[in-house]
């Protein structure tokens, strides 16, 4: 019988780093079994400290952190020669600490929509605790509705656009692939007013 690593029916998983799947540097793997029949159906890498370092560096580069914030975020990731549960939890805490209301992110919305710019509108504490975010999509085709808020390069976007406060989604935080900018307070206030209109809330 061929070795598990050589069997075509056994999937070897990669790591998701910097918005793409990357082959792990690990040489050891954890076998994933079908719980019904016990057969091996996949292998997940027991990622090394080098894999975690690559993930942290990609996160820091993608989120435009200042130097003090870099040191604080890197401290969240606990390293060892062989990364286990502690290392995984550290990487999750790092991502949780980076999400913040009023930030603009690229979001992976699947094959039909693709990657799209969006504003995080959930409360910061809620996103960090629940691992989900409510987002408002950003469009380059504004039509002047009171539920739209103008944004542009000054907010980290490539072109003049608008936040559509009626086009809201709830997504898993791990679909946030790259932070590109943030709102100033005046623009955030305008978003809050537009959300009140979009959601039919009393002013």
N, C-alpha and C. Protein backbone atom coordinates (compact mmCIF):
# COMPACT_ATOMS: atom_id res chain seq x y z
N UNK A 1 0.86 -1.20 0.00
CA UNK A 1 0.00 0.00 0.00
C UNK A 1 0.89 1.24 0.00
N UNK A 2 0.64 2.25 -0.88
CA UNK A 2 1.50 3.42 -0.95
C UNK A 2 1.45 4.25 0.32
N UNK A 3 2.56 4.99 0.55
CA UNK A 3 2.62 5.89 1.69
C UNK A 3 1.50 6.93 1.58
N UNK A 4 0.97 7.38 2.74
CA UNK A 4 -0.15 8.33 2.73
C UNK A 4 0.19 9.57 1.91
N UNK A 5 1.43 10.07 2.03
CA UNK A 5 1.83 11.29 1.33
C UNK A 5 1.81 11.14 -0.18
N UNK A 6 1.88 9.91 -0.67
CA UNK A 6 1.94 9.65 -2.10
C UNK A 6 0.58 9.29 -2.69
N UNK A 7 -0.42 9.11 -1.86
CA UNK A 7 -1.74 8.70 -2.36
C UNK A 7 -2.47 9.88 -2.99
N UNK A 8 -2.99 9.75 -4.20
CA UNK A 8 -3.66 10.87 -4.88
C UNK A 8 -4.98 11.26 -4.23
N UNK A 9 -5.57 10.36 -3.43
CA UNK A 9 -6.86 10.67 -2.81
C UNK A 9 -6.72 11.36 -1.46
N UNK A 10 -5.47 11.62 -1.02
CA UNK A 10 -5.22 12.30 0.26
C UNK A 10 -4.72 13.71 -0.03
N UNK A 11 -5.49 14.71 0.43
CA UNK A 11 -5.16 16.11 0.18
C UNK A 11 -4.18 16.62 1.23
N UNK A 12 -3.08 17.21 0.78
CA UNK A 12 -2.15 17.87 1.68
C UNK A 12 -2.46 19.36 1.69
N UNK A 13 -2.81 19.89 2.86
CA UNK A 13 -3.24 21.28 2.98
C UNK A 13 -2.06 22.24 3.01
N UNK A 14 -2.30 23.49 2.57
CA UNK A 14 -1.30 24.55 2.64
C UNK A 14 -1.72 25.56 3.71
N UNK A 15 -0.84 26.53 3.98
CA UNK A 15 -1.14 27.62 4.89
C UNK A 15 -1.68 28.80 4.10
N UNK A 16 -2.60 29.56 4.71
CA UNK A 16 -3.15 30.77 4.07
C UNK A 16 -2.43 31.97 4.64
N UNK A 17 -1.51 32.57 3.87
CA UNK A 17 -0.66 33.67 4.34
C UNK A 17 -0.70 34.80 3.32
N UNK A 18 -0.93 36.01 3.81
CA UNK A 18 -0.91 37.17 2.92
C UNK A 18 -1.94 37.12 1.81
N UNK A 19 -3.09 36.50 2.08
CA UNK A 19 -4.16 36.45 1.10
C UNK A 19 -4.03 35.37 0.06
N UNK A 20 -3.11 34.42 0.24
CA UNK A 20 -2.96 33.33 -0.73
C UNK A 20 -2.50 32.06 -0.03
N UNK A 21 -2.69 30.93 -0.71
CA UNK A 21 -2.27 29.65 -0.16
C UNK A 21 -0.78 29.45 -0.42
N UNK A 22 -0.06 29.10 0.63
CA UNK A 22 1.40 28.97 0.57
C UNK A 22 1.79 27.59 1.10
N UNK A 23 2.67 26.93 0.38
CA UNK A 23 3.13 25.61 0.82
C UNK A 23 3.89 25.76 2.14
N UNK A 24 3.54 24.95 3.13
CA UNK A 24 4.17 25.02 4.45
C UNK A 24 5.61 24.52 4.38
N UNK A 25 6.44 25.04 5.28
CA UNK A 25 7.83 24.58 5.37
C UNK A 25 7.96 23.36 6.28
N UNK A 26 6.85 22.94 6.83
CA UNK A 26 6.86 21.81 7.76
C UNK A 26 7.25 20.51 7.06
N UNK A 27 7.86 19.64 7.83
CA UNK A 27 8.18 18.29 7.34
C UNK A 27 7.33 17.23 8.04
N UNK A 28 6.61 17.64 9.09
CA UNK A 28 5.72 16.73 9.81
C UNK A 28 4.27 17.16 9.57
N UNK A 29 3.39 16.19 9.54
CA UNK A 29 1.99 16.46 9.22
C UNK A 29 1.07 15.70 10.17
N UNK A 30 -0.12 16.27 10.37
CA UNK A 30 -1.17 15.64 11.17
C UNK A 30 -2.18 15.03 10.21
N UNK A 31 -2.46 13.76 10.37
CA UNK A 31 -3.40 13.09 9.48
C UNK A 31 -4.85 13.40 9.87
N UNK A 32 -5.65 13.70 8.87
CA UNK A 32 -7.08 13.97 9.05
C UNK A 32 -7.85 12.72 8.62
N UNK A 33 -8.68 12.22 9.52
CA UNK A 33 -9.39 10.96 9.27
C UNK A 33 -10.88 11.20 9.03
N UNK A 34 -11.47 10.41 8.17
CA UNK A 34 -12.91 10.39 8.01
C UNK A 34 -13.50 9.76 9.28
N UNK A 35 -14.32 10.50 10.05
CA UNK A 35 -14.80 9.97 11.32
C UNK A 35 -15.74 8.77 11.17
N UNK A 36 -16.30 8.59 9.99
CA UNK A 36 -17.24 7.49 9.79
C UNK A 36 -16.53 6.16 9.59
N UNK A 37 -15.44 6.18 8.81
CA UNK A 37 -14.79 4.91 8.48
C UNK A 37 -13.33 4.85 8.92
N UNK A 38 -12.81 6.00 9.42
CA UNK A 38 -11.45 6.01 9.93
C UNK A 38 -10.36 6.15 8.90
N UNK A 39 -10.71 6.27 7.62
CA UNK A 39 -9.70 6.38 6.56
C UNK A 39 -9.06 7.77 6.56
N UNK A 40 -7.80 7.82 6.18
CA UNK A 40 -7.09 9.10 6.08
C UNK A 40 -7.56 9.81 4.81
N UNK A 41 -8.03 11.07 4.97
CA UNK A 41 -8.51 11.84 3.83
C UNK A 41 -7.70 13.10 3.58
N UNK A 42 -6.80 13.43 4.50
CA UNK A 42 -6.01 14.63 4.30
C UNK A 42 -4.86 14.72 5.28
N UNK A 43 -3.96 15.66 5.01
CA UNK A 43 -2.82 15.92 5.91
C UNK A 43 -2.71 17.42 6.10
N UNK A 44 -2.61 17.86 7.34
CA UNK A 44 -2.42 19.27 7.64
C UNK A 44 -1.03 19.47 8.23
N UNK A 45 -0.28 20.48 7.78
CA UNK A 45 1.09 20.64 8.25
C UNK A 45 1.17 21.06 9.71
N UNK A 46 2.13 20.50 10.43
CA UNK A 46 2.46 20.96 11.78
C UNK A 46 3.45 22.10 11.61
N UNK A 47 2.91 23.29 11.35
CA UNK A 47 3.72 24.42 10.91
C UNK A 47 4.80 24.78 11.91
N UNK A 48 5.93 25.21 11.40
CA UNK A 48 7.08 25.56 12.22
C UNK A 48 7.06 27.03 12.58
N UNK A 49 8.02 27.44 13.39
CA UNK A 49 8.14 28.86 13.74
C UNK A 49 8.39 29.71 12.51
N UNK A 50 9.05 29.16 11.49
CA UNK A 50 9.29 29.90 10.25
C UNK A 50 7.97 30.20 9.53
N UNK A 51 7.03 29.26 9.57
CA UNK A 51 5.71 29.49 8.96
C UNK A 51 4.96 30.60 9.70
N UNK A 52 5.01 30.57 11.03
CA UNK A 52 4.34 31.60 11.81
C UNK A 52 4.99 32.96 11.58
N UNK A 53 6.32 33.00 11.52
CA UNK A 53 7.01 34.26 11.25
C UNK A 53 6.57 34.84 9.91
N UNK A 54 6.43 33.99 8.90
CA UNK A 54 5.99 34.46 7.59
C UNK A 54 4.58 35.04 7.66
N UNK A 55 3.70 34.40 8.44
CA UNK A 55 2.33 34.90 8.59
C UNK A 55 2.31 36.24 9.32
N UNK A 56 3.13 36.36 10.36
CA UNK A 56 3.18 37.61 11.13
C UNK A 56 3.73 38.74 10.26
N UNK A 57 4.79 38.47 9.51
CA UNK A 57 5.37 39.50 8.65
C UNK A 57 4.39 39.96 7.60
N UNK A 58 3.62 39.03 7.03
CA UNK A 58 2.61 39.39 6.04
C UNK A 58 1.52 40.24 6.67
N UNK A 59 1.13 39.89 7.90
CA UNK A 59 0.09 40.66 8.60
C UNK A 59 0.56 42.07 8.90
N UNK A 60 1.78 42.20 9.40
CA UNK A 60 2.31 43.52 9.74
C UNK A 60 2.44 44.38 8.49
N UNK A 61 2.96 43.80 7.40
CA UNK A 61 3.12 44.55 6.15
C UNK A 61 1.78 44.97 5.58
N UNK A 62 0.78 44.12 5.73
CA UNK A 62 -0.52 44.40 5.14
C UNK A 62 -1.38 45.36 5.91
N UNK A 63 -1.05 45.57 7.18
CA UNK A 63 -1.92 46.40 8.01
C UNK A 63 -1.32 47.75 8.36
N UNK A 64 -0.19 48.09 7.75
CA UNK A 64 0.42 49.41 7.89
C UNK A 64 0.57 49.83 9.35
N UNK A 65 1.08 48.94 10.17
CA UNK A 65 1.23 49.24 11.59
C UNK A 65 2.44 50.13 11.82
N UNK A 66 2.35 51.02 12.81
CA UNK A 66 3.50 51.80 13.22
C UNK A 66 4.38 50.95 14.11
N UNK A 67 5.61 51.41 14.34
CA UNK A 67 6.60 50.59 15.03
C UNK A 67 6.14 50.11 16.41
N UNK A 68 5.58 50.98 17.28
CA UNK A 68 5.14 50.48 18.60
C UNK A 68 4.06 49.41 18.49
N UNK A 69 3.15 49.58 17.51
CA UNK A 69 2.09 48.61 17.33
C UNK A 69 2.64 47.28 16.82
N UNK A 70 3.70 47.35 16.01
CA UNK A 70 4.31 46.13 15.52
C UNK A 70 4.84 45.31 16.69
N UNK A 71 5.54 45.98 17.62
CA UNK A 71 6.11 45.24 18.75
C UNK A 71 5.00 44.65 19.61
N UNK A 72 3.92 45.40 19.80
CA UNK A 72 2.82 44.90 20.63
C UNK A 72 2.15 43.71 19.97
N UNK A 73 1.94 43.79 18.63
CA UNK A 73 1.26 42.70 17.94
C UNK A 73 2.13 41.46 17.86
N UNK A 74 3.42 41.65 17.60
CA UNK A 74 4.31 40.50 17.52
C UNK A 74 4.40 39.78 18.85
N UNK A 75 4.23 40.52 19.95
CA UNK A 75 4.29 39.90 21.26
C UNK A 75 3.13 38.94 21.49
N UNK A 76 2.07 39.11 20.68
CA UNK A 76 0.91 38.23 20.85
C UNK A 76 1.17 36.82 20.33
N UNK A 77 2.13 36.69 19.42
CA UNK A 77 2.40 35.39 18.82
C UNK A 77 3.50 34.70 19.59
N UNK A 78 3.19 33.55 20.18
CA UNK A 78 4.15 32.80 20.96
C UNK A 78 4.81 31.75 20.08
N UNK A 79 6.15 31.80 20.01
CA UNK A 79 6.86 30.92 19.11
C UNK A 79 7.47 29.74 19.85
N UNK A 80 7.68 28.67 19.12
CA UNK A 80 8.43 27.53 19.61
C UNK A 80 9.02 26.85 18.40
N UNK A 81 9.92 25.89 18.59
CA UNK A 81 10.49 25.18 17.45
C UNK A 81 9.41 24.43 16.69
N UNK A 82 8.41 23.97 17.39
CA UNK A 82 7.29 23.29 16.75
C UNK A 82 6.02 23.97 17.22
N UNK A 83 5.32 24.66 16.34
CA UNK A 83 4.16 25.45 16.74
C UNK A 83 2.98 24.53 16.96
N UNK A 84 2.33 24.67 18.12
CA UNK A 84 1.14 23.88 18.42
C UNK A 84 -0.03 24.80 18.66
N UNK A 85 -0.88 24.41 19.61
CA UNK A 85 -2.08 25.18 19.88
C UNK A 85 -1.76 26.59 20.32
N UNK A 86 -0.71 26.75 21.12
CA UNK A 86 -0.36 28.08 21.62
C UNK A 86 -0.04 29.01 20.47
N UNK A 87 0.74 28.53 19.48
CA UNK A 87 1.09 29.36 18.34
C UNK A 87 -0.12 29.73 17.50
N UNK A 88 -1.02 28.80 17.30
CA UNK A 88 -2.23 29.08 16.53
C UNK A 88 -3.08 30.12 17.24
N UNK A 89 -3.23 29.97 18.57
CA UNK A 89 -4.03 30.95 19.31
C UNK A 89 -3.38 32.32 19.25
N UNK A 90 -2.05 32.35 19.28
CA UNK A 90 -1.37 33.64 19.19
C UNK A 90 -1.63 34.32 17.87
N UNK A 91 -1.59 33.55 16.76
CA UNK A 91 -1.85 34.13 15.46
C UNK A 91 -3.29 34.65 15.36
N UNK A 92 -4.24 33.91 15.96
CA UNK A 92 -5.63 34.37 15.96
C UNK A 92 -5.76 35.66 16.75
N UNK A 93 -5.09 35.74 17.91
CA UNK A 93 -5.17 36.97 18.71
C UNK A 93 -4.58 38.15 17.94
N UNK A 94 -3.52 37.90 17.18
CA UNK A 94 -2.92 38.97 16.37
C UNK A 94 -3.96 39.54 15.41
N UNK A 95 -4.64 38.67 14.67
CA UNK A 95 -5.64 39.14 13.71
C UNK A 95 -6.77 39.87 14.42
N UNK A 96 -7.19 39.34 15.56
CA UNK A 96 -8.28 39.98 16.30
C UNK A 96 -7.91 41.40 16.73
N UNK A 97 -6.65 41.62 17.11
CA UNK A 97 -6.24 42.93 17.57
C UNK A 97 -6.13 43.93 16.43
N UNK A 98 -6.11 43.47 15.18
CA UNK A 98 -5.94 44.37 14.05
C UNK A 98 -7.26 44.91 13.51
N UNK A 99 -8.39 44.25 13.78
CA UNK A 99 -9.66 44.72 13.26
C UNK A 99 -10.18 45.86 14.12
N UNK A 100 -10.69 46.90 13.45
CA UNK A 100 -11.13 48.09 14.17
C UNK A 100 -12.21 48.81 13.37
N UNK A 101 -13.25 49.25 14.04
CA UNK A 101 -14.32 49.97 13.37
C UNK A 101 -13.76 51.22 12.69
N UNK A 102 -14.22 51.46 11.46
CA UNK A 102 -13.75 52.62 10.72
C UNK A 102 -12.58 52.34 9.81
N UNK A 103 -12.05 51.12 9.84
CA UNK A 103 -10.97 50.74 8.94
C UNK A 103 -11.53 50.21 7.63
N UNK A 104 -10.75 50.38 6.56
CA UNK A 104 -11.12 49.87 5.24
C UNK A 104 -10.23 48.67 4.93
N UNK A 105 -10.87 47.58 4.53
CA UNK A 105 -10.16 46.33 4.25
C UNK A 105 -10.54 45.83 2.87
N UNK A 106 -9.66 45.01 2.30
CA UNK A 106 -10.02 44.17 1.18
C UNK A 106 -10.64 42.90 1.76
N UNK A 107 -11.77 42.48 1.21
CA UNK A 107 -12.51 41.34 1.74
C UNK A 107 -12.73 40.33 0.64
N UNK A 108 -12.46 39.07 0.92
CA UNK A 108 -12.67 37.99 -0.04
C UNK A 108 -14.13 37.54 0.07
N UNK A 109 -14.93 37.90 -0.93
CA UNK A 109 -16.36 37.59 -0.92
C UNK A 109 -16.71 36.41 -1.81
N UNK A 110 -15.71 35.60 -2.14
CA UNK A 110 -15.98 34.39 -2.89
C UNK A 110 -15.86 34.58 -4.39
N UNK A 111 -16.00 33.49 -5.14
CA UNK A 111 -15.75 33.53 -6.59
C UNK A 111 -16.71 34.41 -7.38
N UNK A 112 -17.94 34.57 -6.91
CA UNK A 112 -18.91 35.36 -7.68
C UNK A 112 -18.64 36.85 -7.59
N UNK A 113 -18.26 37.35 -6.40
CA UNK A 113 -18.00 38.77 -6.21
C UNK A 113 -16.51 39.07 -6.26
N UNK A 114 -15.71 38.16 -5.70
CA UNK A 114 -14.27 38.37 -5.66
C UNK A 114 -13.84 39.21 -4.48
N UNK A 115 -12.62 39.73 -4.55
CA UNK A 115 -12.11 40.58 -3.47
C UNK A 115 -12.62 41.99 -3.67
N UNK A 116 -13.07 42.61 -2.59
CA UNK A 116 -13.75 43.91 -2.69
C UNK A 116 -13.35 44.77 -1.50
N UNK A 117 -13.28 46.09 -1.73
CA UNK A 117 -13.03 47.01 -0.62
C UNK A 117 -14.30 47.21 0.18
N UNK A 118 -14.14 47.29 1.51
CA UNK A 118 -15.30 47.46 2.38
C UNK A 118 -14.88 48.16 3.66
N UNK A 119 -15.86 48.79 4.29
CA UNK A 119 -15.64 49.46 5.57
C UNK A 119 -16.14 48.57 6.70
N UNK A 120 -15.36 48.46 7.78
CA UNK A 120 -15.81 47.73 8.95
C UNK A 120 -16.74 48.64 9.76
N UNK A 121 -17.99 48.20 9.95
CA UNK A 121 -18.96 49.04 10.67
C UNK A 121 -19.35 48.45 12.02
N UNK A 122 -18.97 47.21 12.30
CA UNK A 122 -19.26 46.62 13.62
C UNK A 122 -18.46 47.34 14.70
N UNK A 123 -18.92 47.20 15.95
CA UNK A 123 -18.13 47.69 17.07
C UNK A 123 -16.81 46.94 17.15
N UNK A 124 -15.74 47.65 17.46
CA UNK A 124 -14.42 47.03 17.52
C UNK A 124 -14.41 45.84 18.48
N UNK A 125 -14.94 46.02 19.67
CA UNK A 125 -14.93 44.95 20.67
C UNK A 125 -15.69 43.73 20.21
N UNK A 126 -16.81 43.95 19.51
CA UNK A 126 -17.61 42.83 19.02
C UNK A 126 -16.84 42.02 17.98
N UNK A 127 -16.16 42.70 17.06
CA UNK A 127 -15.41 41.99 16.02
C UNK A 127 -14.28 41.17 16.63
N UNK A 128 -13.61 41.72 17.63
CA UNK A 128 -12.48 41.01 18.23
C UNK A 128 -12.94 39.83 19.07
N UNK A 129 -14.16 39.90 19.58
CA UNK A 129 -14.66 38.83 20.45
C UNK A 129 -15.38 37.75 19.65
N UNK A 130 -16.15 38.14 18.65
CA UNK A 130 -17.02 37.19 17.94
C UNK A 130 -16.40 36.64 16.66
N UNK A 131 -15.28 37.22 16.21
CA UNK A 131 -14.61 36.73 15.00
C UNK A 131 -15.49 36.89 13.77
N UNK A 132 -16.41 37.88 13.81
CA UNK A 132 -17.24 38.23 12.66
C UNK A 132 -17.27 39.74 12.53
N UNK A 133 -17.54 40.22 11.32
CA UNK A 133 -17.59 41.66 11.09
C UNK A 133 -18.76 42.01 10.18
N UNK A 134 -19.46 43.09 10.51
CA UNK A 134 -20.43 43.67 9.57
C UNK A 134 -19.67 44.68 8.73
N UNK A 135 -19.79 44.55 7.42
CA UNK A 135 -19.08 45.43 6.51
C UNK A 135 -20.06 46.15 5.59
N UNK A 136 -19.67 47.34 5.13
CA UNK A 136 -20.41 48.07 4.11
C UNK A 136 -19.52 48.12 2.87
N UNK A 137 -20.03 47.63 1.74
CA UNK A 137 -19.21 47.60 0.53
C UNK A 137 -18.95 49.00 0.00
N UNK A 138 -17.82 49.15 -0.64
CA UNK A 138 -17.41 50.43 -1.23
C UNK A 138 -17.51 50.29 -2.74
N UNK A 139 -18.18 51.24 -3.39
CA UNK A 139 -18.41 51.19 -4.82
C UNK A 139 -17.82 52.41 -5.52
N UNK A 140 -17.43 52.22 -6.77
CA UNK A 140 -16.95 53.35 -7.57
C UNK A 140 -18.07 53.92 -8.42
N UNK A 141 -19.29 53.40 -8.24
CA UNK A 141 -20.44 53.82 -9.05
C UNK A 141 -21.52 54.45 -8.17
N UNK A 142 -21.17 55.50 -7.47
CA UNK A 142 -22.12 56.19 -6.60
C UNK A 142 -23.18 56.91 -7.43
N UNK A 143 -24.41 56.98 -6.87
CA UNK A 143 -25.51 57.64 -7.59
C UNK A 143 -26.12 58.76 -6.75
N UNK A 144 -25.44 59.15 -5.68
CA UNK A 144 -25.87 60.31 -4.91
C UNK A 144 -26.96 60.07 -3.88
N UNK A 145 -27.11 58.84 -3.42
CA UNK A 145 -28.10 58.54 -2.40
C UNK A 145 -27.65 59.04 -1.03
N UNK A 146 -28.59 59.35 -0.14
CA UNK A 146 -28.20 59.79 1.22
C UNK A 146 -27.58 58.68 2.05
N UNK A 147 -27.64 57.45 1.56
CA UNK A 147 -27.01 56.32 2.26
C UNK A 147 -25.60 56.04 1.74
N UNK A 148 -25.09 56.92 0.89
CA UNK A 148 -23.73 56.81 0.37
C UNK A 148 -22.84 57.88 0.99
N UNK A 149 -21.60 57.52 1.25
CA UNK A 149 -20.63 58.47 1.82
C UNK A 149 -19.38 58.45 0.95
N UNK A 150 -19.00 59.63 0.48
CA UNK A 150 -17.86 59.74 -0.43
C UNK A 150 -16.54 59.48 0.29
N UNK A 151 -15.69 58.69 -0.34
CA UNK A 151 -14.34 58.42 0.15
C UNK A 151 -13.41 58.39 -1.06
N UNK A 152 -12.09 58.34 -0.79
CA UNK A 152 -11.16 58.36 -1.91
C UNK A 152 -9.73 58.04 -1.50
N UNK A 153 -8.75 58.47 -2.29
CA UNK A 153 -7.35 58.17 -2.00
C UNK A 153 -6.89 58.60 -0.62
N UNK A 154 -7.49 59.66 -0.08
CA UNK A 154 -7.11 60.11 1.26
C UNK A 154 -7.49 59.10 2.34
N UNK A 155 -8.32 58.12 1.97
CA UNK A 155 -8.72 57.06 2.90
C UNK A 155 -8.06 55.72 2.54
N UNK A 156 -7.10 55.76 1.63
CA UNK A 156 -6.38 54.54 1.28
C UNK A 156 -6.92 53.80 0.07
N UNK A 157 -7.85 54.43 -0.66
CA UNK A 157 -8.43 53.80 -1.85
C UNK A 157 -7.71 54.27 -3.11
N UNK A 158 -7.82 53.51 -4.18
CA UNK A 158 -7.14 53.86 -5.42
C UNK A 158 -7.84 54.98 -6.16
N UNK A 159 -9.15 55.13 -5.97
CA UNK A 159 -9.90 56.13 -6.73
C UNK A 159 -11.05 56.66 -5.87
N UNK A 160 -11.66 57.74 -6.32
CA UNK A 160 -12.84 58.27 -5.64
C UNK A 160 -13.95 57.24 -5.69
N UNK A 161 -14.57 57.00 -4.53
CA UNK A 161 -15.58 55.95 -4.41
C UNK A 161 -16.63 56.39 -3.41
N UNK A 162 -17.50 55.47 -3.03
CA UNK A 162 -18.51 55.77 -2.01
C UNK A 162 -18.78 54.52 -1.18
N UNK A 163 -18.95 54.72 0.12
CA UNK A 163 -19.39 53.64 1.00
C UNK A 163 -20.90 53.52 0.86
N UNK A 164 -21.37 52.35 0.50
CA UNK A 164 -22.80 52.11 0.33
C UNK A 164 -23.34 51.50 1.62
N UNK A 165 -23.97 52.31 2.44
CA UNK A 165 -24.43 51.86 3.75
C UNK A 165 -25.69 51.00 3.68
N UNK A 166 -26.22 50.80 2.48
CA UNK A 166 -27.32 49.85 2.30
C UNK A 166 -26.83 48.49 1.84
N UNK A 167 -25.57 48.40 1.46
CA UNK A 167 -25.01 47.14 0.96
C UNK A 167 -24.15 46.53 2.06
N UNK A 168 -24.82 45.90 3.04
CA UNK A 168 -24.16 45.39 4.24
C UNK A 168 -24.06 43.87 4.20
N UNK A 169 -22.94 43.35 4.68
CA UNK A 169 -22.72 41.91 4.79
C UNK A 169 -22.15 41.60 6.17
N UNK A 170 -22.43 40.42 6.68
CA UNK A 170 -21.74 39.88 7.85
C UNK A 170 -20.80 38.79 7.36
N UNK A 171 -19.51 38.94 7.65
CA UNK A 171 -18.51 37.99 7.16
C UNK A 171 -17.63 37.52 8.30
N UNK A 172 -17.03 36.37 8.11
CA UNK A 172 -16.03 35.88 9.06
C UNK A 172 -14.80 36.77 8.96
N UNK A 173 -14.18 37.05 10.10
CA UNK A 173 -13.01 37.94 10.10
C UNK A 173 -11.85 37.39 9.30
N UNK A 174 -11.79 36.06 9.12
CA UNK A 174 -10.66 35.53 8.36
C UNK A 174 -10.81 35.77 6.86
N UNK A 175 -11.93 36.39 6.42
CA UNK A 175 -12.07 36.79 5.03
C UNK A 175 -11.53 38.19 4.78
N UNK A 176 -11.12 38.88 5.86
CA UNK A 176 -10.48 40.18 5.71
C UNK A 176 -9.03 39.94 5.35
N UNK A 177 -8.65 40.27 4.12
CA UNK A 177 -7.33 39.87 3.63
C UNK A 177 -6.27 40.95 3.77
N UNK A 178 -6.66 42.24 3.71
CA UNK A 178 -5.62 43.28 3.74
C UNK A 178 -6.24 44.62 4.14
N UNK A 179 -5.67 45.27 5.14
CA UNK A 179 -6.12 46.60 5.54
C UNK A 179 -5.50 47.63 4.61
N UNK A 180 -6.34 48.54 4.06
CA UNK A 180 -5.82 49.52 3.12
C UNK A 180 -5.95 50.96 3.58
N UNK A 181 -6.79 51.23 4.59
CA UNK A 181 -6.95 52.61 5.03
C UNK A 181 -7.90 52.73 6.20
N UNK A 182 -8.24 53.97 6.52
CA UNK A 182 -9.15 54.24 7.63
C UNK A 182 -9.86 55.55 7.39
N UNK A 183 -10.97 55.76 8.09
CA UNK A 183 -11.75 56.98 7.97
C UNK A 183 -11.27 58.02 8.97
N UNK A 184 -11.37 59.28 8.60
CA UNK A 184 -11.21 60.37 9.56
C UNK A 184 -12.52 60.53 10.31
N UNK A 185 -12.52 61.31 11.39
CA UNK A 185 -13.70 61.39 12.24
C UNK A 185 -14.90 62.00 11.52
N UNK A 186 -14.69 63.02 10.68
CA UNK A 186 -15.81 63.64 9.98
C UNK A 186 -16.49 62.64 9.04
N UNK A 187 -15.67 61.84 8.34
CA UNK A 187 -16.25 60.84 7.43
C UNK A 187 -16.94 59.74 8.21
N UNK A 188 -16.38 59.35 9.36
CA UNK A 188 -17.03 58.34 10.20
C UNK A 188 -18.39 58.85 10.70
N UNK A 189 -18.46 60.12 11.06
CA UNK A 189 -19.73 60.70 11.50
C UNK A 189 -20.76 60.66 10.36
N UNK A 190 -20.30 60.93 9.13
CA UNK A 190 -21.19 60.89 7.98
C UNK A 190 -21.68 59.45 7.74
N UNK A 191 -20.80 58.46 7.95
CA UNK A 191 -21.21 57.05 7.81
C UNK A 191 -22.27 56.71 8.86
N UNK A 192 -22.08 57.16 10.08
CA UNK A 192 -23.05 56.86 11.13
C UNK A 192 -24.43 57.42 10.78
N UNK A 193 -24.46 58.64 10.21
CA UNK A 193 -25.75 59.22 9.80
C UNK A 193 -26.36 58.42 8.65
N UNK A 194 -25.52 58.00 7.71
CA UNK A 194 -26.02 57.21 6.56
C UNK A 194 -26.55 55.86 7.02
N UNK A 195 -25.90 55.24 8.02
CA UNK A 195 -26.38 53.96 8.55
C UNK A 195 -27.74 54.14 9.23
N UNK A 196 -27.93 55.24 9.92
CA UNK A 196 -29.23 55.50 10.55
C UNK A 196 -30.33 55.53 9.48
N UNK A 197 -30.04 56.19 8.34
CA UNK A 197 -31.03 56.27 7.26
C UNK A 197 -31.25 54.88 6.64
N UNK A 198 -30.14 54.18 6.37
CA UNK A 198 -30.23 52.88 5.70
C UNK A 198 -30.99 51.85 6.53
N UNK A 199 -30.83 51.92 7.84
CA UNK A 199 -31.46 50.94 8.72
C UNK A 199 -32.80 51.41 9.28
N UNK A 200 -33.21 52.60 8.90
CA UNK A 200 -34.49 53.11 9.35
C UNK A 200 -34.55 53.39 10.84
N UNK A 201 -33.42 53.84 11.41
CA UNK A 201 -33.36 54.12 12.83
C UNK A 201 -33.75 55.56 13.11
N UNK A 202 -34.36 55.80 14.28
CA UNK A 202 -34.74 57.14 14.67
C UNK A 202 -33.48 57.96 14.91
N UNK A 203 -33.49 59.20 14.48
CA UNK A 203 -32.31 60.06 14.63
C UNK A 203 -32.31 60.70 16.01
